Amino acid sequence: MSDQNPTTLYEQLRQSARQGFNLRNRLLELAEDLPSPDRERVRQTAGKIMAFCTQLREIAATLPTDPNVDLLEEVEDPDELRERIESALENYFEAALDELQEIIEESDAREAKDPKDAE
């Protein structure tokens, strides 16, 4: 993190949040075409992605945006900042990806069991 200037980290977090919001919106669109139980699970997963994006935006809001300010001098506890970002990744984003993988695997298993039901 020390080789990134504050604007870069700030902008990276904001951009990641925007991409996450786009992913969430796309998931909600895809969920509309799924059977009811899967649709609800995908919606819940989209909620976790939304929480992740919100966390990133909140973290970004605490960072200096002036490119001339040294992030390490401005941030009270750089290790705590890193931990907050990692925590958001683990608790929301990675958890959401794991859930999506599980939904896909279960859907594939149902389709393999009875291809007519998948249609």
Protein backbone atom coordinates (compact mmCIF):
# COMPACT_ATOMS: atom_id res chain seq x y z
CA MET A 1 0.00 0.00 0.00
CA SER A 2 2.93 2.35 0.62
CA ASP A 3 3.68 2.62 -3.10
CA GLN A 4 0.19 3.94 -3.86
CA ASN A 5 -0.64 7.60 -3.55
CA PRO A 6 -3.84 8.52 -1.69
CA THR A 7 -5.78 9.44 -4.79
CA THR A 8 -4.91 6.11 -6.33
CA LEU A 9 -6.14 4.13 -3.32
CA TYR A 10 -9.17 6.38 -2.94
CA GLU A 11 -10.01 6.04 -6.63
CA GLN A 12 -9.38 2.29 -6.62
CA LEU A 13 -11.79 1.81 -3.76
CA ARG A 14 -14.42 4.02 -5.37
CA GLN A 15 -13.98 2.24 -8.73
CA SER A 16 -14.22 -1.17 -7.05
CA ALA A 17 -17.43 -0.07 -5.35
CA ARG A 18 -18.87 1.10 -8.68
CA GLN A 19 -17.97 -2.21 -10.32
CA GLY A 20 -19.53 -4.06 -7.41
CA PHE A 21 -22.75 -2.07 -7.78
CA ASN A 22 -22.80 -3.00 -11.48
CA LEU A 23 -22.27 -6.67 -10.59
CA ARG A 24 -25.07 -6.49 -8.04
CA ASN A 25 -27.43 -4.95 -10.59
CA ARG A 26 -26.56 -7.61 -13.16
CA LEU A 27 -27.15 -10.37 -10.61
CA LEU A 28 -30.56 -8.95 -9.81
CA GLU A 29 -31.40 -8.91 -13.52
CA LEU A 30 -30.28 -12.53 -13.90
CA ALA A 31 -32.18 -13.56 -10.79
CA GLU A 32 -35.48 -12.66 -12.44
CA ASP A 33 -35.11 -15.61 -14.82
CA LEU A 34 -34.33 -18.17 -12.11
CA PRO A 35 -36.68 -20.51 -10.28
CA SER A 36 -38.02 -19.06 -7.04
CA PRO A 37 -35.62 -20.63 -4.50
CA ASP A 38 -32.54 -19.76 -6.56
CA ARG A 39 -33.88 -16.28 -7.28
CA GLU A 40 -34.16 -15.51 -3.58
CA ARG A 41 -30.69 -16.85 -2.85
CA VAL A 42 -29.18 -14.77 -5.65
CA ARG A 43 -31.00 -11.70 -4.31
CA GLN A 44 -29.53 -12.33 -0.87
CA THR A 45 -26.10 -12.74 -2.42
CA ALA A 46 -26.58 -9.46 -4.29
CA GLY A 47 -27.29 -7.91 -0.90
CA LYS A 48 -23.89 -9.06 0.34
CA ILE A 49 -22.25 -7.47 -2.69
CA MET A 50 -24.13 -4.27 -1.90
CA ALA A 51 -22.83 -4.37 1.68
CA PHE A 52 -19.30 -4.86 0.32
CA CYS A 53 -19.66 -1.83 -1.96
CA THR A 54 -21.01 0.26 0.89
CA GLN A 55 -18.06 -0.74 3.05
CA LEU A 56 -15.60 0.25 0.31
CA ARG A 57 -17.27 3.61 -0.13
CA GLU A 58 -17.18 4.23 3.62
CA ILE A 59 -13.49 3.34 3.75
CA ALA A 60 -12.75 5.56 0.75
CA ALA A 61 -14.54 8.45 2.44
CA THR A 62 -11.97 8.35 5.23
CA LEU A 63 -9.02 8.72 2.86
CA PRO A 64 -7.41 11.94 1.71
CA THR A 65 -8.12 12.78 -1.91
CA ASP A 66 -5.31 15.27 -2.41
CA PRO A 67 -2.60 13.58 -4.49
CA ASN A 68 0.05 15.64 -2.71
CA VAL A 69 -0.81 14.20 0.70
CA ASP A 70 1.14 11.14 1.86
CA LEU A 71 -1.40 8.46 2.72
CA LEU A 72 0.82 6.93 5.40
CA GLU A 73 1.19 10.28 7.11
CA GLU A 74 -2.50 11.14 6.87
CA VAL A 75 -4.04 7.82 7.91
CA GLU A 76 -3.95 7.29 11.65
CA ASP A 77 -3.46 3.52 11.49
CA PRO A 78 -2.50 2.07 8.07
CA ASP A 79 -2.71 -1.49 9.40
CA GLU A 80 -6.27 -0.89 10.55
CA LEU A 81 -7.12 0.48 7.09
CA ARG A 82 -5.70 -2.64 5.46
CA GLU A 83 -7.63 -4.83 7.90
CA ARG A 84 -10.90 -3.01 7.14
CA ILE A 85 -10.42 -3.57 3.40
CA GLU A 86 -9.51 -7.24 3.92
CA SER A 87 -12.46 -7.73 6.25
CA ALA A 88 -14.87 -6.28 3.70
CA LEU A 89 -13.44 -8.60 1.06
CA GLU A 90 -13.71 -11.69 3.24
CA ASN A 91 -17.03 -11.00 4.94
CA TYR A 92 -18.98 -9.79 1.96
CA PHE A 93 -17.39 -10.22 -1.45
CA GLU A 94 -15.71 -13.60 -1.04
CA ALA A 95 -18.75 -14.89 0.85
CA ALA A 96 -20.99 -13.74 -2.01
CA LEU A 97 -18.78 -15.44 -4.60
CA ASP A 98 -18.81 -18.67 -2.56
CA GLU A 99 -22.61 -18.55 -2.40
CA LEU A 100 -22.89 -17.97 -6.14
CA GLN A 101 -20.60 -20.92 -6.79
CA GLU A 102 -22.75 -23.08 -4.52
CA ILE A 103 -25.94 -21.99 -6.33
CA ILE A 104 -24.37 -22.81 -9.70
CA GLU A 105 -23.17 -26.22 -8.52
CA GLU A 106 -26.58 -27.09 -7.10
CA SER A 107 -28.27 -25.96 -10.31
CA ASP A 108 -25.86 -28.03 -12.40
CA ALA A 109 -26.53 -31.05 -10.17
CA ARG A 110 -30.30 -30.63 -10.59
CA GLU A 111 -29.87 -30.34 -14.36
CA ALA A 112 -27.69 -33.42 -14.53
CA LYS A 113 -30.23 -35.34 -12.45
CA ASP A 114 -33.18 -34.40 -14.66
CA PRO A 115 -32.44 -32.22 -17.73
CA LYS A 116 -36.20 -31.63 -18.29
CA ASP A 117 -36.52 -29.82 -14.93
CA ALA A 118 -33.80 -27.34 -15.90
CA GLU A 119 -35.79 -26.08 -18.87
